[in-house]
Protein backbone atom coordinates (compact mmCIF):
# COMPACT_ATOMS: atom_id res chain seq x y z
CA MET A 1 -26.21 -115.95 -64.74
CA ASN A 2 -26.88 -112.75 -65.07
CA TRP A 3 -29.46 -109.54 -65.93
CA GLY A 4 -27.66 -108.62 -70.34
CA VAL A 5 -29.42 -107.23 -73.16
CA VAL A 6 -27.67 -108.17 -76.31
CA PHE A 7 -27.07 -106.02 -78.70
CA LYS A 8 -25.63 -107.89 -81.96
CA PRO A 9 -26.84 -108.82 -84.15
CA LYS A 10 -29.00 -106.95 -85.50
CA SER A 11 -31.59 -110.33 -86.74
CA TYR A 12 -31.36 -111.78 -83.08
CA ILE A 13 -34.86 -111.71 -82.26
CA SER A 14 -34.12 -110.37 -78.92
CA VAL A 15 -31.54 -107.76 -79.73
CA ASN A 16 -32.39 -104.83 -77.40
CA ARG A 17 -34.25 -106.46 -75.01
CA PRO A 18 -32.86 -106.87 -71.58
CA VAL A 19 -32.07 -110.99 -71.04
CA ILE A 20 -31.64 -113.81 -68.17
CA THR A 21 -27.48 -114.85 -69.93
CA GLY A 22 -25.32 -117.22 -68.45
CA LEU A 23 -27.74 -120.49 -67.75
CA THR A 24 -26.64 -122.71 -70.90
CA LYS A 25 -23.51 -121.06 -73.58
CA GLU A 26 -26.65 -121.19 -76.40
CA THR A 27 -29.49 -119.99 -74.72
CA ASP A 28 -30.63 -116.25 -74.03
CA VAL A 29 -33.85 -116.20 -71.80
CA ASP A 30 -36.68 -112.88 -73.35
CA VAL A 31 -38.73 -112.86 -69.93
CA ILE A 32 -40.57 -110.39 -71.64
CA ARG A 33 -41.32 -112.10 -74.50
CA ILE A 34 -41.70 -116.08 -73.33
CA THR A 35 -44.20 -113.98 -71.36
CA SER A 36 -46.36 -111.82 -73.38
CA ASN A 37 -46.43 -115.15 -75.57
CA LYS A 38 -47.85 -117.14 -73.18
CA MET A 39 -50.21 -114.62 -72.22
CA PHE A 40 -51.59 -115.02 -75.38
CA ALA A 41 -52.11 -118.12 -75.71
CA VAL A 42 -54.83 -118.70 -72.04
CA LEU A 43 -56.02 -115.44 -73.24
CA LYS A 44 -57.20 -117.55 -77.00
CA GLY A 45 -57.48 -120.25 -74.92
CA GLN A 46 -54.46 -122.58 -75.57
CA HIS A 47 -52.91 -123.01 -73.37
CA ASN A 48 -53.20 -123.83 -69.66
CA PRO A 49 -54.36 -121.25 -66.89
CA ASN A 50 -50.86 -122.53 -64.87
CA ALA A 51 -49.34 -121.81 -67.95
CA LEU A 52 -47.02 -119.41 -66.09
CA PHE A 53 -46.14 -120.76 -63.13
CA ASP A 54 -45.41 -124.01 -64.70
CA ILE A 55 -42.84 -121.25 -66.48
CA TYR A 56 -42.04 -120.43 -62.87
CA LEU A 57 -41.46 -123.23 -61.64
CA HIS A 58 -38.94 -124.10 -64.82
CA GLY A 59 -36.78 -121.43 -64.69
CA LYS A 60 -36.79 -121.90 -61.08
CA SER A 61 -35.58 -125.29 -61.21
CA LEU A 62 -32.99 -123.75 -63.49
CA PHE A 63 -31.80 -121.15 -61.66
CA GLU A 64 -30.94 -123.67 -58.67
CA ILE A 65 -29.23 -125.97 -61.26
CA ALA A 66 -26.62 -122.02 -62.14
CA ASP A 67 -26.92 -121.36 -58.58
CA ARG A 68 -25.41 -124.30 -57.39
CA LYS A 69 -22.35 -124.34 -60.40
CA GLY A 70 -21.88 -120.84 -59.69
CA LEU A 71 -22.98 -119.65 -62.97
């Protein structure tokens, strides 16, 4: 698990943005995009106000699993 920047392919949604890599082979975690989307959803009243904290708890469990696997 590392921070990285994806440069290719140019059509990738998170190109040139910092992402967390290595949690799974298929997925990079674009923390900025996740936070922005949840923030706007909360402001529109579409999610509960604890949405970011719930994401934090879920991410924390993913990071702990990755640490145990030595990623």
